[in-house]
């Protein structure tokens, strides 16, 4: 089960289009009215096996915090976690 956080944006729509073609992937979606609801997003992030973040950097950082200690595998399409400050 995959949750696409930001699925209504350009990147999210493209990711969804690709994942929908895979017969073994179930996409978790939020109702449009709940897309920005923090508790609904947190529940989806924690319930999913994997989450794809299609969000601006600050929102991606916040989404990772919402996921907390969940076992969800997170793929971030933003630049928020691409490089280490130690490089």
N, C-alpha and C. Protein backbone atom coordinates (compact mmCIF):
# COMPACT_ATOMS: atom_id res chain seq x y z
N UNK A 1 0.85 -1.18 0.00
CA UNK A 1 0.00 0.00 0.00
C UNK A 1 0.89 1.24 0.00
N UNK A 2 0.59 2.14 -0.93
CA UNK A 2 1.41 3.33 -1.10
C UNK A 2 0.55 4.58 -0.94
N UNK A 3 1.05 5.50 -0.14
CA UNK A 3 0.40 6.81 0.02
C UNK A 3 1.25 7.83 -0.71
N UNK A 4 0.61 8.61 -1.59
CA UNK A 4 1.30 9.68 -2.31
C UNK A 4 0.87 10.98 -1.66
N UNK A 5 1.76 11.55 -0.87
CA UNK A 5 1.45 12.83 -0.21
C UNK A 5 1.76 13.94 -1.20
N UNK A 6 0.72 14.61 -1.64
CA UNK A 6 0.85 15.62 -2.69
C UNK A 6 0.40 15.08 -4.03
N UNK A 7 -0.49 14.09 -4.00
CA UNK A 7 -0.90 13.42 -5.24
C UNK A 7 -1.69 14.30 -6.20
N UNK A 8 -2.16 15.45 -5.75
CA UNK A 8 -2.94 16.33 -6.63
C UNK A 8 -2.05 17.26 -7.45
N UNK A 9 -0.77 17.33 -7.10
CA UNK A 9 0.16 18.18 -7.85
C UNK A 9 0.71 17.46 -9.07
N UNK A 10 1.47 18.17 -9.87
CA UNK A 10 2.01 17.62 -11.11
C UNK A 10 2.82 16.35 -10.88
N UNK A 11 3.77 16.38 -9.96
CA UNK A 11 4.60 15.20 -9.70
C UNK A 11 3.75 14.07 -9.13
N UNK A 12 2.88 14.40 -8.19
CA UNK A 12 2.02 13.39 -7.59
C UNK A 12 1.12 12.70 -8.60
N UNK A 13 0.59 13.46 -9.53
CA UNK A 13 -0.26 12.88 -10.57
C UNK A 13 0.53 11.92 -11.46
N UNK A 14 1.77 12.29 -11.77
CA UNK A 14 2.61 11.43 -12.60
C UNK A 14 2.99 10.16 -11.86
N UNK A 15 3.31 10.27 -10.58
CA UNK A 15 3.64 9.09 -9.79
C UNK A 15 2.42 8.18 -9.70
N UNK A 16 1.26 8.77 -9.43
CA UNK A 16 0.03 7.97 -9.33
C UNK A 16 -0.26 7.23 -10.63
N UNK A 17 -0.10 7.92 -11.75
CA UNK A 17 -0.36 7.32 -13.06
C UNK A 17 0.51 6.08 -13.27
N UNK A 18 1.75 6.16 -12.85
CA UNK A 18 2.65 5.02 -13.02
C UNK A 18 2.31 3.89 -12.05
N UNK A 19 2.05 4.23 -10.80
CA UNK A 19 1.75 3.18 -9.81
C UNK A 19 0.43 2.48 -10.06
N UNK A 20 -0.54 3.20 -10.61
CA UNK A 20 -1.85 2.60 -10.90
C UNK A 20 -1.75 1.43 -11.88
N UNK A 21 -0.72 1.43 -12.69
CA UNK A 21 -0.55 0.38 -13.71
C UNK A 21 -0.03 -0.93 -13.10
N UNK A 22 0.47 -0.87 -11.88
CA UNK A 22 1.02 -2.06 -11.25
C UNK A 22 -0.10 -2.81 -10.53
N UNK A 23 -0.33 -4.07 -10.91
CA UNK A 23 -1.47 -4.80 -10.34
C UNK A 23 -1.36 -5.12 -8.85
N UNK A 24 -0.16 -5.06 -8.28
CA UNK A 24 0.00 -5.43 -6.88
C UNK A 24 0.15 -4.23 -5.95
N UNK A 25 -0.04 -3.04 -6.47
CA UNK A 25 0.09 -1.84 -5.64
C UNK A 25 -1.29 -1.25 -5.38
N UNK A 26 -1.57 -1.07 -4.10
CA UNK A 26 -2.81 -0.40 -3.68
C UNK A 26 -2.42 1.03 -3.29
N UNK A 27 -3.09 2.00 -3.86
CA UNK A 27 -2.80 3.40 -3.56
C UNK A 27 -3.77 3.89 -2.50
N UNK A 28 -3.22 4.42 -1.42
CA UNK A 28 -4.03 5.02 -0.36
C UNK A 28 -4.22 6.49 -0.71
N UNK A 29 -5.45 6.95 -0.74
CA UNK A 29 -5.73 8.35 -1.06
C UNK A 29 -6.59 8.98 0.02
N UNK A 30 -6.42 10.26 0.18
CA UNK A 30 -7.27 11.03 1.08
C UNK A 30 -8.31 11.77 0.26
N UNK A 31 -9.47 11.96 0.85
CA UNK A 31 -10.49 12.79 0.21
C UNK A 31 -9.90 14.19 0.04
N UNK A 32 -10.27 14.90 -1.03
CA UNK A 32 -9.72 16.25 -1.26
C UNK A 32 -9.82 17.17 -0.04
N UNK A 33 -10.90 17.09 0.71
CA UNK A 33 -11.07 17.96 1.88
C UNK A 33 -10.09 17.63 3.00
N UNK A 34 -9.49 16.42 2.97
CA UNK A 34 -8.58 16.00 4.03
C UNK A 34 -7.10 16.06 3.64
N UNK A 35 -6.82 16.49 2.40
CA UNK A 35 -5.42 16.49 1.93
C UNK A 35 -4.48 17.30 2.81
N UNK A 36 -4.97 18.36 3.42
CA UNK A 36 -4.12 19.19 4.27
C UNK A 36 -4.39 18.97 5.76
N UNK A 37 -5.21 17.99 6.07
CA UNK A 37 -5.52 17.66 7.46
C UNK A 37 -4.36 16.84 8.03
N UNK A 38 -3.68 17.40 9.01
CA UNK A 38 -2.47 16.78 9.55
C UNK A 38 -2.72 15.39 10.12
N UNK A 39 -3.81 15.21 10.85
CA UNK A 39 -4.07 13.90 11.44
C UNK A 39 -4.40 12.85 10.38
N UNK A 40 -5.11 13.24 9.33
CA UNK A 40 -5.43 12.31 8.25
C UNK A 40 -4.16 11.92 7.49
N UNK A 41 -3.30 12.90 7.25
CA UNK A 41 -2.03 12.62 6.57
C UNK A 41 -1.15 11.71 7.43
N UNK A 42 -1.11 11.99 8.73
CA UNK A 42 -0.30 11.18 9.63
C UNK A 42 -0.78 9.74 9.64
N UNK A 43 -2.08 9.55 9.70
CA UNK A 43 -2.64 8.19 9.68
C UNK A 43 -2.27 7.47 8.38
N UNK A 44 -2.38 8.16 7.25
CA UNK A 44 -2.03 7.56 5.96
C UNK A 44 -0.54 7.23 5.90
N UNK A 45 0.30 8.15 6.39
CA UNK A 45 1.75 7.91 6.39
C UNK A 45 2.11 6.71 7.25
N UNK A 46 1.43 6.53 8.37
CA UNK A 46 1.74 5.44 9.27
C UNK A 46 1.12 4.11 8.84
N UNK A 47 0.03 4.17 8.08
CA UNK A 47 -0.66 2.97 7.61
C UNK A 47 -0.01 2.38 6.37
N UNK A 48 0.55 3.23 5.54
CA UNK A 48 1.13 2.79 4.27
C UNK A 48 2.39 1.96 4.48
N UNK A 49 2.66 1.08 3.53
CA UNK A 49 3.93 0.36 3.51
C UNK A 49 5.02 1.29 2.98
N UNK A 50 4.62 2.17 2.06
CA UNK A 50 5.54 3.14 1.47
C UNK A 50 4.79 4.43 1.21
N UNK A 51 5.52 5.53 1.25
CA UNK A 51 4.93 6.83 0.94
C UNK A 51 5.85 7.56 -0.01
N UNK A 52 5.27 8.22 -1.00
CA UNK A 52 6.02 9.06 -1.91
C UNK A 52 5.63 10.49 -1.60
N UNK A 53 6.62 11.31 -1.24
CA UNK A 53 6.36 12.71 -0.90
C UNK A 53 6.58 13.56 -2.14
N UNK A 54 5.50 14.14 -2.63
CA UNK A 54 5.55 15.02 -3.80
C UNK A 54 5.19 16.42 -3.31
N UNK A 55 6.07 16.95 -2.48
CA UNK A 55 5.79 18.17 -1.73
C UNK A 55 6.97 19.13 -1.82
N UNK A 56 6.73 20.42 -1.53
CA UNK A 56 7.85 21.35 -1.38
C UNK A 56 8.72 20.92 -0.20
N UNK A 57 9.94 21.40 -0.16
CA UNK A 57 10.90 20.98 0.87
C UNK A 57 10.36 21.07 2.29
N UNK A 58 9.83 22.21 2.68
CA UNK A 58 9.35 22.38 4.06
C UNK A 58 8.23 21.40 4.39
N UNK A 59 7.33 21.19 3.44
CA UNK A 59 6.23 20.25 3.66
C UNK A 59 6.73 18.82 3.73
N UNK A 60 7.76 18.49 2.96
CA UNK A 60 8.34 17.14 3.01
C UNK A 60 8.98 16.89 4.37
N UNK A 61 9.68 17.89 4.89
CA UNK A 61 10.29 17.76 6.21
C UNK A 61 9.21 17.53 7.27
N UNK A 62 8.11 18.27 7.17
CA UNK A 62 7.00 18.11 8.10
C UNK A 62 6.35 16.73 7.96
N UNK A 63 6.25 16.23 6.73
CA UNK A 63 5.64 14.91 6.51
C UNK A 63 6.48 13.80 7.14
N UNK A 64 7.79 13.91 7.02
CA UNK A 64 8.67 12.91 7.65
C UNK A 64 8.48 12.94 9.16
N UNK A 65 8.33 14.13 9.72
CA UNK A 65 8.08 14.24 11.16
C UNK A 65 6.74 13.60 11.53
N UNK A 66 5.73 13.78 10.68
CA UNK A 66 4.42 13.17 10.93
C UNK A 66 4.51 11.64 10.93
N UNK A 67 5.34 11.10 10.06
CA UNK A 67 5.48 9.64 9.99
C UNK A 67 6.12 9.09 11.26
N UNK A 68 6.92 9.92 11.92
CA UNK A 68 7.51 9.52 13.19
C UNK A 68 8.30 8.24 13.11
N UNK A 69 7.99 7.30 13.99
CA UNK A 69 8.75 6.05 14.05
C UNK A 69 8.06 4.91 13.28
N UNK A 70 7.16 5.26 12.38
CA UNK A 70 6.48 4.23 11.58
C UNK A 70 7.49 3.48 10.72
N UNK A 71 7.15 2.27 10.34
CA UNK A 71 8.02 1.46 9.49
C UNK A 71 7.85 1.79 8.01
N UNK A 72 7.11 2.82 7.69
CA UNK A 72 6.84 3.21 6.31
C UNK A 72 8.13 3.59 5.60
N UNK A 73 8.33 3.04 4.41
CA UNK A 73 9.45 3.43 3.56
C UNK A 73 9.05 4.74 2.89
N UNK A 74 9.91 5.76 2.99
CA UNK A 74 9.58 7.06 2.43
C UNK A 74 10.51 7.39 1.27
N UNK A 75 9.90 7.76 0.15
CA UNK A 75 10.63 8.24 -1.02
C UNK A 75 10.26 9.70 -1.16
N UNK A 76 11.26 10.56 -1.11
CA UNK A 76 11.03 12.01 -1.14
C UNK A 76 11.44 12.58 -2.49
N UNK A 77 10.49 13.18 -3.19
CA UNK A 77 10.77 13.78 -4.50
C UNK A 77 11.30 15.21 -4.38
N UNK A 78 11.30 15.76 -3.18
CA UNK A 78 11.81 17.13 -3.00
C UNK A 78 13.33 17.10 -2.85
N UNK A 79 13.91 18.25 -2.59
CA UNK A 79 15.36 18.31 -2.37
C UNK A 79 15.68 18.34 -0.87
N UNK A 80 14.70 18.21 -0.02
CA UNK A 80 14.88 18.37 1.42
C UNK A 80 15.89 17.39 2.02
N UNK A 81 15.96 16.18 1.52
CA UNK A 81 16.82 15.16 2.12
C UNK A 81 17.84 14.60 1.12
N UNK A 82 18.12 15.35 0.07
CA UNK A 82 19.03 14.82 -0.97
C UNK A 82 20.49 14.88 -0.59
N UNK A 83 20.90 15.84 0.17
CA UNK A 83 22.32 15.96 0.49
C UNK A 83 22.52 16.07 1.99
N UNK A 84 23.68 15.70 2.41
CA UNK A 84 24.03 15.80 3.82
C UNK A 84 24.75 17.13 4.05
N UNK A 85 24.48 17.75 5.18
CA UNK A 85 25.14 19.01 5.52
C UNK A 85 26.64 18.79 5.71
N UNK A 86 27.06 17.55 5.96
CA UNK A 86 28.46 17.23 6.18
C UNK A 86 29.28 17.07 4.90
N UNK A 87 28.65 17.14 3.74
CA UNK A 87 29.38 16.97 2.48
C UNK A 87 30.16 18.19 2.14
